[in-house]
Amino acid sequence: MMKRLLLASLFAAGSTMAFAQDGDDTVEEMASEEETQMVQETLSKIGCEASSVEKESDNLFEVDDATCEIGQYDIKLDGEYRITVMSIDE
């Protein structure tokens, strides 16, 4: 009985660790051509360009290393293509 409990505990702990590692990957998929164009339009209003746009969820886009007139930034936009986070990429 004790061996079964120990094995079950080890299995559960291993599953949790594997799940946590998978959760660290933030890139779900790349944005479609239309979505990328909408993100680019928003970014151009503030003097920025994106080489690629990641779609983290239906309501969240991420641009890593956007090239802006004032420097390089990581930018997140919501599902309505509004900038929600902009942080300097050092």
Protein backbone atom coordinates (compact mmCIF):
# COMPACT_ATOMS: atom_id res chain seq x y z
CA MET A 1 0.00 0.00 0.00
CA MET A 2 2.80 2.40 0.92
CA LYS A 3 4.64 1.67 -2.35
CA ARG A 4 1.52 2.50 -4.38
CA LEU A 5 1.05 5.77 -2.53
CA LEU A 6 4.69 6.69 -3.08
CA LEU A 7 4.52 5.83 -6.78
CA ALA A 8 1.31 7.81 -7.19
CA SER A 9 2.92 10.81 -5.49
CA LEU A 10 5.99 10.62 -7.70
CA PHE A 11 3.86 10.32 -10.83
CA ALA A 12 1.76 13.33 -9.83
CA ALA A 13 4.86 15.41 -9.08
CA GLY A 14 6.42 14.47 -12.42
CA SER A 15 3.25 15.39 -14.30
CA THR A 16 3.10 18.75 -12.57
CA MET A 17 6.72 19.53 -13.45
CA ALA A 18 6.18 18.64 -17.10
CA PHE A 19 3.05 20.81 -17.22
CA ALA A 20 4.89 23.75 -15.69
CA GLN A 21 7.61 23.52 -18.31
CA ASP A 22 5.03 23.56 -21.09
CA GLY A 23 3.41 26.62 -19.52
CA ASP A 24 6.66 28.61 -19.87
CA ASP A 25 6.35 28.63 -23.67
CA THR A 26 4.49 31.84 -24.47
CA VAL A 27 4.33 31.58 -28.25
CA GLU A 28 1.05 29.95 -29.14
CA GLU A 29 1.08 30.81 -32.85
CA MET A 30 2.03 33.51 -35.28
CA ALA A 31 -0.61 36.12 -36.14
CA SER A 32 -2.35 35.84 -39.49
CA GLU A 33 -1.47 38.19 -42.34
CA GLU A 34 -4.56 40.32 -41.64
CA GLU A 35 -3.83 40.48 -37.89
CA THR A 36 -0.20 41.38 -38.56
CA GLN A 37 -1.31 44.19 -40.85
CA MET A 38 -3.64 45.57 -38.14
CA VAL A 39 -0.82 45.43 -35.56
CA GLN A 40 1.55 47.14 -38.02
CA GLU A 41 -1.01 49.93 -38.58
CA THR A 42 -1.24 50.56 -34.84
CA LEU A 43 2.53 50.50 -34.38
CA SER A 44 3.12 52.86 -37.31
CA LYS A 45 1.08 55.52 -35.47
CA ILE A 46 3.81 55.68 -32.81
CA GLY A 47 6.78 55.28 -35.16
CA CYS A 48 7.35 51.53 -34.70
CA GLU A 49 7.64 48.47 -36.95
CA ALA A 50 7.43 44.77 -36.14
CA SER A 51 9.36 42.04 -37.91
CA SER A 52 6.92 39.41 -36.57
CA VAL A 53 3.74 39.28 -34.51
CA GLU A 54 2.88 36.45 -32.12
CA LYS A 55 -0.70 35.62 -31.22
CA GLU A 56 -0.71 34.53 -27.59
CA SER A 57 -4.52 34.23 -27.46
CA ASP A 58 -7.62 35.60 -29.19
CA ASN A 59 -7.22 38.77 -27.14
CA LEU A 60 -3.45 39.21 -26.98
CA PHE A 61 -0.75 39.91 -29.53
CA GLU A 62 2.95 40.27 -28.75
CA VAL A 63 5.73 41.94 -30.69
CA ASP A 64 9.25 41.21 -29.49
CA ASP A 65 11.99 43.62 -30.53
CA ALA A 66 9.84 46.20 -32.30
CA THR A 67 11.99 48.82 -34.00
CA CYS A 68 10.81 52.29 -32.99
CA GLU A 69 12.09 55.78 -33.66
CA ILE A 70 12.93 56.05 -29.95
CA GLY A 71 14.53 52.61 -29.53
CA GLN A 72 13.72 48.91 -29.42
CA TYR A 73 10.63 47.75 -27.50
CA ASP A 74 8.57 44.70 -26.61
CA ILE A 75 4.90 45.53 -27.17
CA LYS A 76 1.63 43.79 -26.31
CA LEU A 77 -1.69 44.63 -27.90
CA ASP A 78 -5.21 43.54 -27.03
CA GLY A 79 -7.76 41.97 -29.38
CA GLU A 80 -8.82 45.43 -30.57
CA TYR A 81 -5.21 46.25 -31.54
CA ARG A 82 -4.71 48.73 -28.71
CA ILE A 83 -1.29 48.83 -27.05
CA THR A 84 -1.56 47.58 -23.48
CA VAL A 85 2.12 47.18 -22.58
CA MET A 86 5.23 48.73 -24.05
CA SER A 87 8.58 48.09 -22.41
CA ILE A 88 12.08 48.97 -23.52
CA ASP A 89 14.03 45.98 -24.80
CA GLU A 90 17.54 46.25 -23.41
